[in-house]
N, C-alpha and C. Protein backbone atom coordinates (compact mmCIF):
# COMPACT_ATOMS: atom_id res chain seq x y z
N MET A 1 13.70 -4.08 41.23
CA MET A 1 14.17 -5.48 40.97
C MET A 1 15.71 -5.22 40.47
N THR A 2 16.73 -5.63 40.99
CA THR A 2 17.99 -5.43 40.61
C THR A 2 18.34 -6.79 39.82
N LEU A 3 18.88 -6.77 38.63
CA LEU A 3 19.34 -7.99 37.89
C LEU A 3 20.91 -7.90 37.71
N ALA A 4 21.44 -8.96 37.57
CA ALA A 4 22.67 -8.92 37.06
C ALA A 4 22.63 -8.77 35.46
N THR A 5 23.60 -8.35 35.14
CA THR A 5 23.74 -8.10 33.33
C THR A 5 23.40 -9.09 32.65
N ASP A 6 24.07 -10.38 32.95
CA ASP A 6 23.83 -11.56 32.13
C ASP A 6 22.41 -11.64 32.13
N GLU A 7 21.91 -11.90 33.44
CA GLU A 7 20.34 -12.21 33.42
C GLU A 7 19.30 -11.21 32.66
N PHE A 8 19.93 -10.25 32.85
CA PHE A 8 19.03 -8.82 31.98
C PHE A 8 19.03 -9.29 30.72
N ILE A 9 20.22 -9.63 30.16
CA ILE A 9 20.21 -10.03 28.52
C ILE A 9 19.74 -11.07 28.32
N ARG A 10 19.72 -12.63 28.97
CA ARG A 10 19.05 -13.20 29.05
C ARG A 10 17.39 -13.28 28.76
N ARG A 11 16.87 -12.52 29.65
CA ARG A 11 15.52 -12.19 29.94
C ARG A 11 15.12 -11.15 28.76
N PHE A 12 16.10 -10.23 28.34
CA PHE A 12 15.66 -9.61 27.34
C PHE A 12 15.57 -10.23 25.84
N MET A 13 16.73 -11.23 25.76
CA MET A 13 16.50 -12.00 24.59
C MET A 13 15.46 -13.01 24.17
N LEU A 14 14.82 -13.55 25.18
CA LEU A 14 13.71 -14.05 25.19
C LEU A 14 12.49 -13.41 24.10
N HIS A 15 12.45 -11.99 24.24
CA HIS A 15 11.66 -11.19 23.29
C HIS A 15 11.95 -11.01 21.96
N VAL A 16 13.12 -11.38 21.76
CA VAL A 16 13.55 -11.13 20.26
C VAL A 16 13.49 -12.30 19.68
N LEU A 17 12.70 -12.35 18.31
CA LEU A 17 12.47 -13.59 17.31
C LEU A 17 13.55 -13.75 16.72
N PRO A 18 13.39 -15.29 16.24
CA PRO A 18 14.83 -15.82 15.48
C PRO A 18 14.65 -15.24 13.94
N ARG A 19 15.57 -15.20 13.51
CA ARG A 19 15.71 -14.57 11.98
C ARG A 19 14.78 -15.22 11.13
N GLY A 20 13.97 -14.57 10.45
CA GLY A 20 12.85 -15.37 9.34
C GLY A 20 11.51 -15.54 9.89
N PHE A 21 11.38 -14.84 11.41
CA PHE A 21 10.21 -15.07 12.17
C PHE A 21 9.55 -13.71 11.99
N HIS A 22 8.29 -13.77 11.72
CA HIS A 22 7.37 -12.32 11.83
C HIS A 22 6.48 -12.09 13.24
N ARG A 23 6.54 -11.02 13.75
CA ARG A 23 5.78 -10.72 14.69
C ARG A 23 4.47 -10.57 14.58
N ILE A 24 3.46 -11.06 15.01
CA ILE A 24 2.10 -10.87 14.99
C ILE A 24 1.53 -10.25 16.13
N ARG A 25 0.96 -8.65 15.82
CA ARG A 25 0.74 -7.93 16.77
C ARG A 25 -0.40 -8.01 17.16
N HIS A 26 -1.57 -8.11 16.80
CA HIS A 26 -2.82 -8.63 17.09
C HIS A 26 -3.29 -9.86 17.19
N TYR A 27 -3.82 -10.00 18.20
CA TYR A 27 -4.30 -11.67 17.99
C TYR A 27 -5.67 -11.67 19.34
N GLY A 28 -6.13 -12.69 19.19
CA GLY A 28 -6.99 -12.75 20.56
C GLY A 28 -8.36 -11.97 20.10
N LEU A 29 -8.74 -11.21 21.30
CA LEU A 29 -10.03 -10.23 20.95
C LEU A 29 -9.51 -9.19 20.05
N LEU A 30 -8.34 -8.91 19.91
CA LEU A 30 -8.28 -7.78 18.98
C LEU A 30 -7.83 -7.82 17.49
N ALA A 31 -7.86 -9.06 17.16
CA ALA A 31 -7.68 -9.61 15.79
C ALA A 31 -8.38 -8.76 14.60
N SER A 32 -7.86 -8.54 13.95
CA SER A 32 -8.47 -7.40 12.81
C SER A 32 -9.91 -8.37 12.15
N SER A 33 -9.84 -9.35 12.08
CA SER A 33 -10.72 -10.00 11.40
C SER A 33 -12.08 -10.28 12.05
N SER A 34 -11.99 -10.14 13.40
CA SER A 34 -13.08 -10.21 14.52
C SER A 34 -13.02 -9.10 15.51
N ARG A 35 -12.28 -8.02 15.49
CA ARG A 35 -12.54 -7.32 16.23
C ARG A 35 -13.80 -6.68 16.85
N LYS A 36 -14.53 -6.40 16.14
CA LYS A 36 -16.16 -5.40 16.23
C LYS A 36 -16.78 -6.78 16.96
N ALA A 37 -17.01 -7.81 16.39
CA ALA A 37 -17.84 -9.01 16.94
C ALA A 37 -17.50 -9.41 18.26
N SER A 38 -15.94 -9.52 18.68
CA SER A 38 -15.46 -9.71 19.70
C SER A 38 -15.49 -8.64 20.89
N LEU A 39 -15.27 -7.59 20.66
CA LEU A 39 -15.38 -6.27 21.52
C LEU A 39 -16.89 -6.21 22.12
N ALA A 40 -17.88 -6.09 20.98
CA ALA A 40 -19.18 -6.33 21.05
C ALA A 40 -19.76 -7.40 21.90
N ARG A 41 -19.26 -8.48 21.84
CA ARG A 41 -19.59 -9.63 22.74
C ARG A 41 -19.12 -9.17 24.18
N VAL A 42 -18.05 -8.94 24.22
CA VAL A 42 -16.99 -8.59 25.74
C VAL A 42 -18.09 -7.56 26.43
N ARG A 43 -18.38 -6.67 25.27
CA ARG A 43 -19.24 -5.49 26.31
C ARG A 43 -20.79 -5.86 26.76
N GLU A 44 -21.16 -6.88 25.94
CA GLU A 44 -22.29 -7.59 26.28
C GLU A 44 -22.17 -8.51 27.61
N LEU A 45 -21.19 -9.12 27.67
CA LEU A 45 -20.93 -9.95 29.01
C LEU A 45 -20.75 -9.10 29.99
N LEU A 46 -20.21 -7.92 29.96
CA LEU A 46 -19.79 -7.15 30.93
C LEU A 46 -20.68 -6.13 31.27
N ASN A 47 -21.98 -6.38 30.62
CA ASN A 47 -23.08 -5.18 30.81
C ASN A 47 -22.64 -3.56 30.67
N VAL A 48 -21.84 -3.47 29.93
CA VAL A 48 -21.35 -1.95 29.35
C VAL A 48 -22.37 -1.00 28.71
N ILE A 49 -22.49 -0.27 28.92
CA ILE A 49 -23.54 0.95 28.38
C ILE A 49 -22.56 1.47 27.32
N PRO A 50 -23.38 1.05 26.06
CA PRO A 50 -22.39 1.55 24.90
C PRO A 50 -22.53 3.38 24.79
N THR A 51 -21.51 3.84 24.50
CA THR A 51 -21.32 5.21 24.62
C THR A 51 -22.20 5.73 23.36
N PRO A 52 -22.79 6.82 23.23
CA PRO A 52 -23.70 7.19 22.27
C PRO A 52 -22.55 7.76 21.20
N ALA A 53 -23.02 7.23 19.86
CA ALA A 53 -22.30 8.00 18.66
C ALA A 53 -22.43 9.28 18.46
N ALA A 54 -20.99 9.63 18.33
CA ALA A 54 -20.97 11.03 18.07
C ALA A 54 -21.76 11.73 16.93
N GLU A 55 -22.46 12.77 16.94
CA GLU A 55 -23.11 13.12 15.95
C GLU A 55 -22.01 14.02 14.85
N THR A 56 -22.14 13.70 13.73
CA THR A 56 -21.05 14.03 12.66
C THR A 56 -22.09 15.38 11.65
N PRO A 57 -21.52 16.20 11.59
CA PRO A 57 -22.57 17.41 10.77
C PRO A 57 -22.42 16.78 9.32
N GLU A 58 -23.42 17.34 8.62
CA GLU A 58 -23.33 16.96 7.30
C GLU A 58 -22.40 17.60 6.44
N PRO A 59 -21.76 17.13 5.70
CA PRO A 59 -20.84 17.67 5.07
C PRO A 59 -21.14 18.43 4.01
N GLU A 60 -20.58 19.96 3.48
CA GLU A 60 -20.96 20.64 2.54
C GLU A 60 -20.65 20.09 1.25
N PRO A 61 -21.87 20.33 0.38
CA PRO A 61 -21.65 20.09 -0.84
C PRO A 61 -20.33 20.40 -1.41
N VAL A 62 -19.48 19.56 -2.59
CA VAL A 62 -18.35 19.94 -2.74
C VAL A 62 -18.63 20.48 -4.03
N THR A 63 -18.02 21.84 -4.05
CA THR A 63 -18.42 22.44 -5.47
C THR A 63 -17.17 22.52 -6.45
N PRO A 64 -17.33 22.06 -7.65
CA PRO A 64 -15.57 21.93 -8.51
C PRO A 64 -15.42 22.99 -8.62
N PRO A 65 -14.10 23.30 -8.97
CA PRO A 65 -13.59 24.21 -9.09
C PRO A 65 -13.88 24.98 -10.61
N PRO A 66 -13.81 26.27 -10.84
CA PRO A 66 -14.23 26.51 -12.15
C PRO A 66 -12.82 26.39 -13.31
N CYS A 67 -13.41 25.83 -14.68
CA CYS A 67 -12.42 25.63 -15.74
C CYS A 67 -11.64 26.75 -15.83
N PRO A 68 -10.20 26.80 -16.07
CA PRO A 68 -9.38 27.93 -16.05
C PRO A 68 -9.66 28.47 -17.37
N CYS A 69 -10.10 27.78 -18.51
CA CYS A 69 -10.37 28.32 -19.69
C CYS A 69 -11.68 29.25 -19.91
N CYS A 70 -12.56 28.62 -19.60
CA CYS A 70 -14.06 29.05 -19.98
C CYS A 70 -14.92 29.79 -18.76
N GLY A 71 -14.24 29.16 -17.29
CA GLY A 71 -15.07 29.51 -16.45
C GLY A 71 -16.18 29.08 -16.09
N GLY A 72 -16.56 27.90 -16.38
CA GLY A 72 -17.96 27.16 -16.18
C GLY A 72 -17.16 26.17 -15.20
N PRO A 73 -17.90 25.27 -14.59
CA PRO A 73 -17.91 24.35 -13.36
C PRO A 73 -17.13 23.22 -14.42
N MET A 74 -16.13 22.67 -13.69
CA MET A 74 -15.62 21.41 -14.21
C MET A 74 -16.35 20.01 -13.91
N VAL A 75 -16.50 19.07 -14.61
CA VAL A 75 -16.96 17.86 -14.34
C VAL A 75 -15.78 16.79 -13.92
N VAL A 76 -16.13 16.00 -12.92
CA VAL A 76 -15.38 14.94 -12.26
C VAL A 76 -15.87 13.79 -13.49
N ILE A 77 -14.80 13.26 -13.89
CA ILE A 77 -15.09 12.34 -14.91
C ILE A 77 -14.77 10.74 -14.13
N GLN A 78 -13.26 10.91 -13.63
CA GLN A 78 -12.90 9.71 -12.70
C GLN A 78 -12.02 10.28 -11.77
N ILE A 79 -11.75 9.52 -10.73
CA ILE A 79 -10.55 9.79 -9.81
C ILE A 79 -10.03 8.71 -9.83
N LEU A 80 -8.68 8.69 -10.18
CA LEU A 80 -7.56 7.66 -9.73
C LEU A 80 -6.94 7.35 -8.78
N PRO A 81 -6.95 6.24 -8.14
CA PRO A 81 -6.40 6.07 -6.97
C PRO A 81 -4.64 6.73 -7.07
N ARG A 82 -4.10 6.82 -5.77
CA ARG A 82 -2.54 7.40 -5.80
C ARG A 82 -1.64 6.15 -6.40
N TRP A 83 -2.14 4.91 -6.05
CA TRP A 83 -0.87 3.85 -6.69
C TRP A 83 -1.40 3.51 -7.94
N CYS A 84 -2.34 3.73 -8.66
CA CYS A 84 -2.67 3.57 -9.96
C CYS A 84 -1.97 4.82 -11.02
N GLN A 85 -1.56 4.35 -11.97
CA GLN A 85 -0.60 5.08 -13.06
C GLN A 85 -2.10 5.16 -14.06
N PRO A 86 -2.47 6.44 -14.60
CA PRO A 86 -3.20 6.39 -15.80
C PRO A 86 -2.95 5.88 -16.90
N ARG A 87 -3.77 5.06 -17.73
CA ARG A 87 -3.18 4.53 -18.91
C ARG A 87 -4.05 5.41 -20.13
N GLY A 88 -3.27 5.24 -21.30
CA GLY A 88 -3.66 6.11 -22.43
C GLY A 88 -4.85 5.27 -23.18
N PRO A 89 -5.55 5.82 -24.03
CA PRO A 89 -6.57 5.14 -24.87
C PRO A 89 -5.77 3.78 -25.36
N PRO A 90 -6.77 2.73 -25.62
CA PRO A 90 -5.84 1.82 -26.23
C PRO A 90 -5.75 2.36 -27.82
N GLN A 91 -4.49 1.70 -28.49
CA GLN A 91 -4.61 2.20 -30.11
C GLN A 91 -5.09 1.52 -30.95
N ALA A 92 -5.76 2.22 -31.97
CA ALA A 92 -6.68 1.48 -33.03
C ALA A 92 -5.81 0.58 -33.79
N SER A 93 -5.92 -0.40 -33.89
CA SER A 93 -5.34 -1.62 -34.67
C SER A 93 -6.10 -1.79 -36.20
N ASP A 94 -5.33 -1.88 -37.26
CA ASP A 94 -5.78 -2.21 -38.67
C ASP A 94 -6.05 -3.41 -38.85
N PRO A 95 -7.31 -3.49 -39.11
CA PRO A 95 -7.95 -5.22 -39.29
C PRO A 95 -7.17 -5.76 -40.39
N THR A 96 -6.94 -4.88 -41.30
CA THR A 96 -6.41 -5.54 -42.50
C THR A 96 -4.79 -5.92 -42.50
N LYS A 97 -4.18 -5.46 -41.49
CA LYS A 97 -2.58 -6.06 -41.24
C LYS A 97 -2.81 -6.87 -40.36
N GLY A 98 -2.24 -7.80 -40.44
CA GLY A 98 -1.69 -9.13 -39.71
C GLY A 98 -1.23 -8.72 -38.31
N SER A 99 -1.07 -9.96 -37.62
CA SER A 99 -0.36 -9.41 -36.40
C SER A 99 0.99 -9.46 -36.40
N PRO A 100 1.58 -8.33 -35.52
CA PRO A 100 3.37 -8.37 -35.86
C PRO A 100 3.96 -9.39 -35.61
């Protein structure tokens, strides 16, 4: 199909959202909140044979690295998420002093 320049730009601009609008990429059957249920229902209605789940090998047990000082195994106390900044312990307050 050959289009004039003006008609091509007009049709292209139909797909551009006005300023302040947000594009919603997933809707209908692929909406994130109900994707699994919707696709399962569609497969049921179409009589599609489900593919067998891939067998995953059991992960090997994770051995902690040795302590650099004594060579003994280190014990994981807590794993912090990437976005979380570790906090220091709360400072002890003297109950005999009033609030500042």
